[in-house]
Each structure stands twice: as structure tokens, then as C-alpha cells.
Amino acid sequence: MLVFLATDLSPTLNTRINMTWIFLTVFATFMQAWRNAFQSKLGQTVKVPGVTLARFIWAGPIAALYLALLYYFEPTTIPVFNPSYWLYILAASGMQIIATGLMVKLFKMNNYAVGAGLAKSEAIVAAVLGMLFFGTSLSLLGWLGVIIGGVAVFLMSAAKGFKGLSLTTILMGLACGSAFALTSLWVREASLQLNLGFPYSAAWVLLMVISIQTMALVAYLLLTDPTTLKALWQRPGLTLLISVSSCLGSIGWFSAMSLQNVPYVKTLGQVEIFFTLLISTYWLKQKVQIKDAFGLALIAVAAVLVIWG
């Protein structure tokens, strides 16, 4: 598996790790773009809690298999899970559920590209919160990349110009991005609590987060809306696609964030917009405006600045 690139103890280890987080981030954006598209389709016929659960329901076994394969090919110790670890895990699990639910609501309010674009405001939020509360430091180029990427995302999110975006949509987009940013920051903190190297710490965090989210959502729907669980059962193909693409994307995100500060990962992750536009145009058959090309160019600039920074 490609994540094992970082376990090579050659003299070029640091260079390989630097390249590994970049590759993992791009891989995560590709998988996340497809997951969002599948969720957008499922959201046409299933309620928000059900679409949110579809992200996790089959991801647990995949995450468990991934962790088992890591230990099979390169055995290491079982980590000690301290109280701080569990606090970050619980916080990240709950916040990601909220973030996913807000994104599904964005899909219902606008088209897929707009919803996914507004949610990418997380890079700016992660940079600010990381600096204020998590001791994250960015270079001048890094901050410039974050700001340019944020401008590009909001430019591309305004389907009919900025006047076409309602205040409700903008606030929900910012809330969604903030929730995803907090999730990412807490995931990284949880990984740092484990005395394990890459990629084991990220794999343990992934498995725990997905397990908690699945149990919480299944219990909630069993008590409040069992018909939504039945609706997912009646759409096994789309539900499985969402879970698989989500888990693979999370492996990429969690692993990248165990190697690099969250604002850098999330700013580079804005290349997801490129995949989003392709899927929106050629698979969902939604129109994309010419101004999106300028937005893509800005995102490319932002990504380069972040990598240099």
C-alpha cells in the first residue's frame, strides 16, 4: 500500500514524507469528491440523518481491515489510549456528524458544486483556529495560499454571482466549513496523543471515530426514525459507494493530517474543486460557469504556495 512510503528508513525519508502527505491529500480529495456526489444523489430520496449515516455504516469494516493489514505487514505495539485521546475522539466524531449533516442540507439548498464549494471554507477556519488554539504556525507563503484558496472557493460557490447567495446559504456554508475544520484539528490532536508513528496513529483514530459515529447514528435512527434505516437498506449500491469512497478518503485525510499541519492539508485539499466540477459536469449533468476556470487557477496558485510554504 502506498502509505508505506513513509516507513522507508532511507536518507531521503523527510523528502518522501513531504511527498507522501501531498499524494495522500490529493487522493483524499478525489475520493471525497465522489463521496459528495453520491451523497448528493442519495439526498434526493433519503433524509439528512440517513445520508449522513451512509457515510459511516460500511466504513467501519474497511477501517478495521486497513488497520489489520498494517499490523500484518509491519507489526508494532498497541497504543495506550489516554483520556485526552478519548476526549478528542469523541469531539471529532460528533463534530463530523454535524458537518456532514450541514453539507447534505447545502446539497438540498443548491447544486452539488455550490454545496461542496462552500464547505471548503474549512481551510481558512482551520488556519485561524489552529493558530489561536492548537499552536499551529504557518509561513507567509502558507497564509497567502490559504487566503487565495478561500477567495477562489467563495468565487466558485456563487453560482449566480455573490448576490445570488442568500445569507442563510452563506452562514450554513461557513458553519459546515467550521465544523469540518474543528473535526480535522481534533483528529490531528488525537493522532498526536498516540505513541505510534505514521500511519498507525491515523489508522487507530479513523477506526475509533467511524465506530463511534456508526453506533451513535444507528441508535438515533432506531429510536426516532427507523424508516430511514429501511430506506438505506433499499438502496444498498449507493449506500456502499458512499461508505467505501468516504472511508478511503478518510484514510487519506487522517494520514495526511498525521504528517502535516491541518491548514496546509486543507488548503491543498481545495484541489477537490477540480474533481467536483468534472463530476458535476459530466456525471450529474449540472452546468458550470466560465468563472469557475478562474477559480480553479486561483486554487492551483494556492496549492503551489502551500507546498512551497
Protein backbone atom coordinates (compact mmCIF):
# COMPACT_ATOMS: atom_id res chain seq x y z
CA MET A 1 0.00 0.00 0.00
CA LEU A 2 1.22 3.49 -0.91
CA VAL A 3 1.04 4.79 2.65
CA PHE A 4 4.05 2.61 3.43
CA LEU A 5 6.24 5.07 1.51
CA ALA A 6 6.80 6.91 4.78
CA THR A 7 8.14 3.82 6.55
CA ASP A 8 11.24 3.60 4.37
CA LEU A 9 14.22 4.43 6.59
CA SER A 10 16.42 5.72 3.78
CA PRO A 11 18.33 9.05 3.88
CA THR A 12 15.56 10.61 1.82
CA LEU A 13 12.90 9.88 4.47
CA ASN A 14 11.97 13.53 5.05
CA THR A 15 11.54 14.16 1.34
CA ARG A 16 9.39 11.07 0.99
CA ILE A 17 7.21 12.10 3.92
CA ASN A 18 6.77 15.55 2.37
CA MET A 19 5.67 13.96 -0.90
CA THR A 20 3.51 11.40 0.90
CA TRP A 21 1.22 13.94 2.59
CA ILE A 22 0.74 15.68 -0.76
CA PHE A 23 -0.16 12.44 -2.51
CA LEU A 24 -2.48 11.40 0.33
CA THR A 25 -4.25 14.75 0.26
CA VAL A 26 -4.88 14.62 -3.49
CA PHE A 27 -6.10 11.01 -3.18
CA ALA A 28 -8.43 12.06 -0.36
CA THR A 29 -9.88 14.92 -2.41
CA PHE A 30 -10.59 12.59 -5.33
CA MET A 31 -12.43 10.10 -3.12
CA GLN A 32 -14.25 12.85 -1.22
CA ALA A 33 -15.48 14.45 -4.43
CA TRP A 34 -17.10 11.15 -5.41
CA ARG A 35 -18.49 10.63 -1.91
CA ASN A 36 -20.12 14.06 -2.01
CA ALA A 37 -21.59 13.32 -5.43
CA PHE A 38 -23.03 10.00 -4.24
CA GLN A 39 -24.43 11.72 -1.13
CA SER A 40 -25.99 14.39 -3.30
CA LYS A 41 -27.82 11.71 -5.28
CA LEU A 42 -28.90 9.79 -2.18
CA GLY A 43 -30.10 13.01 -0.59
CA GLN A 44 -32.77 13.31 -3.28
CA THR A 45 -34.70 10.39 -1.76
CA VAL A 46 -33.34 9.88 1.79
CA LYS A 47 -33.48 12.18 4.82
CA VAL A 48 -30.40 14.03 6.07
CA PRO A 49 -29.64 11.66 9.02
CA GLY A 50 -29.79 8.66 6.67
CA VAL A 51 -27.47 10.24 4.12
CA THR A 52 -25.10 11.11 6.97
CA LEU A 53 -25.15 7.51 8.24
CA ALA A 54 -24.45 6.20 4.73
CA ARG A 55 -21.02 7.79 5.05
CA PHE A 56 -20.13 5.58 8.03
CA ILE A 57 -22.28 2.44 8.02
CA TRP A 58 -19.98 0.23 5.90
CA ALA A 59 -16.80 2.21 6.53
CA GLY A 60 -16.08 0.54 9.89
CA PRO A 61 -15.19 -2.90 8.47
CA ILE A 62 -12.97 -1.25 5.84
CA ALA A 63 -11.15 0.77 8.50
CA ALA A 64 -10.71 -2.36 10.64
CA LEU A 65 -9.31 -4.29 7.66
CA TYR A 66 -6.92 -1.43 6.87
CA LEU A 67 -5.60 -1.39 10.44
CA ALA A 68 -5.27 -5.18 10.49
CA LEU A 69 -3.27 -5.12 7.25
CA LEU A 70 -0.91 -2.51 8.70
CA TYR A 71 -0.17 -4.75 11.67
CA TYR A 72 0.07 -7.85 9.48
CA PHE A 73 2.71 -6.39 7.15
CA GLU A 74 4.60 -4.37 9.79
CA PRO A 75 3.70 -5.41 13.38
CA THR A 76 4.09 -2.81 16.13
CA THR A 77 2.80 -2.16 19.63
CA ILE A 78 -0.80 -1.49 20.63
CA PRO A 79 -1.06 2.15 21.73
CA VAL A 80 -2.13 3.42 25.15
CA PHE A 81 -5.37 5.40 24.85
CA ASN A 82 -5.14 8.22 27.40
CA PRO A 83 -8.12 10.40 28.50
CA SER A 84 -7.08 13.26 26.21
CA TYR A 85 -7.17 10.88 23.23
CA TRP A 86 -10.75 9.84 24.01
CA LEU A 87 -11.81 13.45 24.50
CA TYR A 88 -10.51 14.42 21.06
CA ILE A 89 -12.02 11.28 19.50
CA LEU A 90 -15.49 11.96 20.93
CA ALA A 91 -15.35 15.63 19.96
CA ALA A 92 -14.21 14.85 16.40
CA SER A 93 -16.84 12.13 15.99
CA GLY A 94 -19.70 14.41 17.00
CA MET A 95 -18.47 17.39 15.03
CA GLN A 96 -18.03 15.37 11.82
CA ILE A 97 -21.62 14.16 12.08
CA ILE A 98 -22.78 17.77 12.38
CA ALA A 99 -20.54 18.84 9.47
CA THR A 100 -21.82 16.06 7.21
CA GLY A 101 -25.44 16.86 8.03
CA LEU A 102 -24.89 20.54 7.21
CA MET A 103 -23.26 19.60 3.90
CA VAL A 104 -26.23 17.43 2.93
CA LYS A 105 -28.53 20.36 3.70
CA LEU A 106 -26.36 22.54 1.45
CA PHE A 107 -26.78 20.00 -1.35
CA LYS A 108 -30.55 20.25 -0.94
CA MET A 109 -30.50 24.06 -0.98
CA ASN A 110 -28.23 24.47 -4.02
CA ASN A 111 -26.50 22.24 -6.51
CA TYR A 112 -23.71 19.82 -5.69
CA ALA A 113 -20.84 22.09 -6.76
CA VAL A 114 -22.08 25.04 -4.67
CA GLY A 115 -22.59 22.92 -1.56
CA ALA A 116 -19.18 21.28 -1.80
CA GLY A 117 -17.53 24.62 -2.56
CA LEU A 118 -18.97 26.45 0.45
CA ALA A 119 -17.92 23.62 2.75
CA LYS A 120 -14.29 24.14 1.66
CA SER A 121 -14.21 27.31 3.74
CA GLU A 122 -12.77 24.93 6.34
CA ALA A 123 -9.20 25.71 5.21
CA ILE A 124 -9.41 29.33 6.37
CA VAL A 125 -11.20 28.39 9.60
CA ALA A 126 -8.64 25.65 10.30
CA ALA A 127 -5.78 28.11 9.80
CA VAL A 128 -7.26 30.67 12.21
CA LEU A 129 -8.35 28.18 14.88
CA GLY A 130 -5.11 26.26 14.55
CA MET A 131 -3.10 29.41 15.19
CA LEU A 132 -5.27 30.57 18.11
CA PHE A 133 -5.84 27.31 19.98
CA PHE A 134 -3.64 24.49 18.64
CA GLY A 135 -0.21 26.08 18.32
CA THR A 136 -0.17 25.80 14.52
CA SER A 137 2.26 28.12 12.74
CA LEU A 138 2.16 28.94 9.04
CA SER A 139 4.73 30.64 6.88
CA LEU A 140 3.89 33.82 4.99
CA LEU A 141 3.50 31.79 1.79
CA GLY A 142 1.28 29.37 3.66
CA TRP A 143 -1.06 32.14 4.84
CA LEU A 144 -1.11 33.64 1.35
CA GLY A 145 -2.07 30.26 -0.08
CA VAL A 146 -4.87 29.83 2.50
CA ILE A 147 -6.32 33.28 1.72
CA ILE A 148 -6.13 32.86 -2.07
CA GLY A 149 -7.70 29.42 -1.79
CA GLY A 150 -10.53 30.83 0.32
CA VAL A 151 -11.23 33.59 -2.21
CA ALA A 152 -11.29 31.02 -5.01
CA VAL A 153 -13.71 28.77 -3.15
CA PHE A 154 -16.19 31.56 -2.47
CA LEU A 155 -15.89 32.78 -6.06
CA MET A 156 -16.77 29.33 -7.37
CA SER A 157 -19.54 28.84 -4.81
CA ALA A 158 -21.51 31.84 -6.07
CA ALA A 159 -23.47 30.16 -8.86
CA LYS A 160 -25.22 33.41 -9.88
CA GLY A 161 -22.66 35.83 -8.52
CA PHE A 162 -22.26 36.72 -4.86
CA LYS A 163 -25.65 38.48 -4.88
CA GLY A 164 -27.20 35.12 -5.79
CA LEU A 165 -26.11 33.57 -2.49
CA SER A 166 -28.59 34.00 0.34
CA LEU A 167 -27.39 34.88 3.83
CA THR A 168 -28.76 31.53 5.04
CA THR A 169 -26.72 29.64 2.47
CA ILE A 170 -23.51 31.55 3.29
CA LEU A 171 -23.94 31.08 7.05
CA MET A 172 -24.68 27.38 6.63
CA GLY A 173 -21.63 27.02 4.39
CA LEU A 174 -19.42 28.74 6.97
CA ALA A 175 -20.90 26.61 9.76
CA CYS A 176 -20.24 23.48 7.71
CA GLY A 177 -16.66 24.51 6.96
CA SER A 178 -16.07 25.40 10.62
CA ALA A 179 -17.40 22.02 11.76
CA PHE A 180 -15.12 20.20 9.31
CA ALA A 181 -12.18 22.35 10.41
CA LEU A 182 -12.71 21.50 14.08
CA THR A 183 -13.05 17.83 13.17
CA SER A 184 -9.72 17.90 11.35
CA LEU A 185 -7.92 19.75 14.14
CA TRP A 186 -9.22 17.32 16.78
CA VAL A 187 -8.35 14.32 14.60
CA ARG A 188 -4.77 15.54 14.36
CA GLU A 189 -4.61 16.14 18.11
CA ALA A 190 -5.94 12.62 18.75
CA SER A 191 -3.25 11.17 16.46
CA LEU A 192 -0.55 13.08 18.35
CA GLN A 193 -1.71 11.54 21.64
CA LEU A 194 -0.66 8.05 20.50
CA ASN A 195 2.96 6.97 20.77
CA LEU A 196 2.87 5.46 17.30
CA GLY A 197 4.40 6.50 14.03
CA PHE A 198 2.78 7.02 10.65
CA PRO A 199 0.42 5.53 9.51
CA TYR A 200 -0.67 3.56 12.59
CA SER A 201 -1.84 6.50 14.70
CA ALA A 202 -4.08 7.76 11.90
CA ALA A 203 -5.50 4.26 11.35
CA TRP A 204 -6.42 3.88 15.04
CA VAL A 205 -8.09 7.30 15.08
CA LEU A 206 -10.01 6.50 11.90
CA LEU A 207 -11.36 3.21 13.26
CA MET A 208 -12.43 4.71 16.58
CA VAL A 209 -14.10 7.75 15.03
CA ILE A 210 -16.05 5.73 12.47
CA SER A 211 -17.14 3.15 15.08
CA ILE A 212 -18.48 5.82 17.44
CA GLN A 213 -20.27 7.66 14.63
CA THR A 214 -21.91 4.50 13.29
CA MET A 215 -23.17 3.35 16.69
CA ALA A 216 -24.48 6.82 17.58
CA LEU A 217 -26.36 7.33 14.30
CA VAL A 218 -27.81 3.81 14.16
CA ALA A 219 -29.06 4.14 17.74
CA TYR A 220 -30.54 7.56 17.00
CA LEU A 221 -32.40 6.37 13.91
CA LEU A 222 -33.62 3.18 15.59
CA LEU A 223 -35.21 5.31 18.30
CA THR A 224 -36.52 8.19 16.20
CA ASP A 225 -36.83 7.23 12.53
CA PRO A 226 -36.44 3.51 11.66
CA THR A 227 -37.98 4.14 8.22
CA THR A 228 -34.78 5.99 7.25
CA LEU A 229 -32.74 2.87 8.06
CA LYS A 230 -35.12 0.91 5.83
CA ALA A 231 -34.60 3.48 3.06
CA LEU A 232 -30.82 2.90 3.23
CA TRP A 233 -31.34 -0.86 3.18
CA GLN A 234 -33.38 -0.46 0.00
CA ARG A 235 -30.50 1.42 -1.68
CA PRO A 236 -27.55 -0.87 -0.96
CA GLY A 237 -25.46 0.04 -4.00
CA LEU A 238 -25.42 3.79 -3.47
CA THR A 239 -25.01 3.39 0.30
CA LEU A 240 -22.00 1.10 -0.20
CA LEU A 241 -20.42 3.51 -2.70
CA ILE A 242 -20.74 6.36 -0.20
CA SER A 243 -19.20 4.32 2.62
CA VAL A 244 -16.30 2.99 0.54
CA SER A 245 -15.39 6.34 -1.02
CA SER A 246 -15.77 8.03 2.37
CA CYS A 247 -13.53 5.54 4.17
CA LEU A 248 -10.83 5.66 1.51
CA GLY A 249 -10.96 9.44 1.55
CA SER A 250 -10.73 9.46 5.36
CA ILE A 251 -7.68 7.20 5.24
CA GLY A 252 -6.05 9.81 3.01
CA TRP A 253 -7.15 12.78 5.15
CA PHE A 254 -6.30 11.27 8.53
CA SER A 255 -2.93 10.02 7.32
CA ALA A 256 -2.02 13.36 5.71
CA MET A 257 -3.01 15.26 8.84
CA SER A 258 -0.83 13.00 10.98
CA LEU A 259 2.13 14.13 8.86
CA GLN A 260 1.35 17.80 8.23
CA ASN A 261 -0.45 20.73 9.88
CA VAL A 262 -4.18 20.83 9.12
CA PRO A 263 -4.28 24.25 7.34
CA TYR A 264 -1.69 23.09 4.80
CA VAL A 265 -3.55 19.83 4.19
CA LYS A 266 -6.92 21.52 3.86
CA THR A 267 -5.66 24.27 1.57
CA LEU A 268 -4.03 21.77 -0.76
CA GLY A 269 -7.25 19.79 -0.43
CA GLN A 270 -9.08 22.55 -2.26
CA VAL A 271 -7.97 20.86 -5.48
CA GLU A 272 -11.09 18.79 -4.74
CA ILE A 273 -12.97 21.57 -6.53
CA PHE A 274 -11.37 20.41 -9.79
CA PHE A 275 -12.75 16.90 -9.31
CA THR A 276 -16.06 18.35 -8.11
CA LEU A 277 -16.52 20.36 -11.31
CA LEU A 278 -15.70 17.37 -13.51
CA ILE A 279 -18.19 15.17 -11.68
CA SER A 280 -20.81 17.92 -11.60
CA THR A 281 -20.49 18.50 -15.34
CA TYR A 282 -20.06 15.01 -16.76
CA TRP A 283 -21.85 12.76 -14.25
CA LEU A 284 -24.51 14.88 -12.53
CA LYS A 285 -25.06 16.93 -15.73
CA GLN A 286 -25.08 20.24 -13.84
CA LYS A 287 -23.95 23.41 -15.58
CA VAL A 288 -20.64 25.01 -14.61
CA GLN A 289 -19.92 28.66 -15.38
CA ILE A 290 -16.90 30.12 -17.14
CA LYS A 291 -15.78 31.98 -14.00
CA ASP A 292 -15.01 28.60 -12.44
CA ALA A 293 -11.91 28.38 -14.64
CA PHE A 294 -10.54 31.47 -12.90
CA GLY A 295 -11.37 29.94 -9.55
CA LEU A 296 -9.51 26.78 -10.49
CA ALA A 297 -6.46 28.82 -11.46
CA LEU A 298 -6.51 30.55 -8.05
CA ILE A 299 -6.77 27.19 -6.29
CA ALA A 300 -3.79 25.94 -8.27
CA VAL A 301 -1.81 29.01 -7.16
CA ALA A 302 -2.89 28.45 -3.56
CA ALA A 303 -1.81 24.82 -3.68
CA VAL A 304 1.63 25.74 -5.04
CA LEU A 305 2.10 28.41 -2.35
CA VAL A 306 1.14 25.95 0.39
CA ILE A 307 3.55 23.30 -0.88
CA TRP A 308 6.37 25.87 -1.10
CA GLY A 309 5.44 27.26 2.32
